């Protein structure tokens, strides 16, 4: 399921990684309106190789952190909603 979600994020990416552009697009679809600085901060938190983008392994770290931060599972629910929106 995480791979399918990652593929949604990177469907328009040239390098197969999530940049602030892709992350921002998905966040806005989820009703969020993060600033460019907030998007960069989110990527920087998991960007272990310093590429400035998020690859699949780093995406998994991001998802685990989101689920830990939200004990009610809201992030997982939002991710599932997003997947259903694109999986039409």
Protein backbone atom coordinates (compact mmCIF):
# COMPACT_ATOMS: atom_id res chain seq x y z
CA UNK A 1 0.00 0.00 0.00
CA UNK A 2 2.88 2.39 0.75
CA UNK A 3 4.44 1.66 -2.65
CA UNK A 4 1.15 2.53 -4.34
CA UNK A 5 0.96 5.78 -2.38
CA UNK A 6 4.58 6.60 -3.26
CA UNK A 7 3.83 5.99 -6.93
CA UNK A 8 0.99 8.51 -6.70
CA UNK A 9 3.36 11.12 -5.30
CA UNK A 10 5.96 10.59 -8.04
CA UNK A 11 3.69 10.09 -11.04
CA UNK A 12 4.75 13.47 -12.47
CA UNK A 13 8.32 13.43 -11.12
CA UNK A 14 11.12 13.11 -13.64
CA UNK A 15 13.55 11.43 -11.22
CA UNK A 16 11.12 9.10 -9.44
CA UNK A 17 11.54 10.94 -6.14
CA UNK A 18 9.29 13.28 -4.19
CA UNK A 19 10.26 16.95 -4.34
CA UNK A 20 8.62 19.89 -2.60
CA UNK A 21 6.52 20.33 -5.76
CA UNK A 22 5.02 16.83 -5.60
CA UNK A 23 4.65 16.93 -1.83
CA UNK A 24 2.89 20.31 -2.01
CA UNK A 25 0.48 19.11 -4.68
CA UNK A 26 -0.58 16.11 -2.62
CA UNK A 27 -0.79 18.12 0.62
CA UNK A 28 -3.11 20.62 -1.08
CA UNK A 29 -5.28 17.74 -2.32
CA UNK A 30 -5.57 16.69 1.32
CA UNK A 31 -6.78 20.17 2.28
CA UNK A 32 -3.47 21.41 3.68
CA UNK A 33 -1.75 24.60 2.55
CA UNK A 34 1.90 24.33 3.62
CA UNK A 35 4.40 27.04 2.79
CA UNK A 36 7.41 26.21 0.60
CA UNK A 37 9.53 26.37 3.76
CA UNK A 38 7.29 23.87 5.56
CA UNK A 39 7.45 21.51 2.58
CA UNK A 40 11.23 21.73 2.50
CA UNK A 41 11.38 21.09 6.24
CA UNK A 42 9.24 17.96 5.82
CA UNK A 43 11.60 16.67 3.15
CA UNK A 44 14.72 17.63 5.10
CA UNK A 45 13.51 15.61 8.10
CA UNK A 46 13.74 12.33 6.15
CA UNK A 47 16.24 13.15 3.38
CA UNK A 48 19.03 10.88 4.60
CA UNK A 49 21.12 11.05 1.42
CA UNK A 50 20.99 14.86 1.12
CA UNK A 51 19.48 14.76 -2.38
CA UNK A 52 16.80 17.34 -1.59
CA UNK A 53 14.13 14.82 -2.55
CA UNK A 54 12.51 11.78 -0.93
CA UNK A 55 13.10 8.32 -2.40
CA UNK A 56 10.96 5.29 -1.49
CA UNK A 57 13.00 4.28 1.57
CA UNK A 58 12.86 7.84 2.91
CA UNK A 59 9.13 7.94 2.13
CA UNK A 60 8.64 4.90 4.37
CA UNK A 61 10.41 6.74 7.19
CA UNK A 62 8.11 9.74 6.60
CA UNK A 63 4.99 7.54 6.75
CA UNK A 64 6.11 5.79 9.94
CA UNK A 65 6.75 9.17 11.58
CA UNK A 66 3.35 10.46 10.47
CA UNK A 67 1.60 7.44 11.93
CA UNK A 68 3.54 7.70 15.20
CA UNK A 69 2.75 11.41 15.49
CA UNK A 70 -0.95 10.79 14.99
CA UNK A 71 -2.06 8.15 17.45
CA UNK A 72 -5.61 8.15 16.04
CA UNK A 73 -4.37 7.03 12.63
CA UNK A 74 -5.61 10.12 10.84
CA UNK A 75 -2.53 10.26 8.60
CA UNK A 76 -3.05 6.66 7.50
CA UNK A 77 -6.72 7.43 6.82
CA UNK A 78 -5.79 10.51 4.78
CA UNK A 79 -3.26 8.48 2.83
CA UNK A 80 -5.90 5.84 2.08
CA UNK A 81 -8.34 8.56 0.97
CA UNK A 82 -5.69 10.01 -1.32
CA UNK A 83 -4.97 6.59 -2.80
CA UNK A 84 -8.67 6.05 -3.51
CA UNK A 85 -8.89 9.49 -5.14
CA UNK A 86 -6.10 8.65 -7.60
CA UNK A 87 -7.03 4.99 -8.07
CA UNK A 88 -10.05 5.72 -10.26
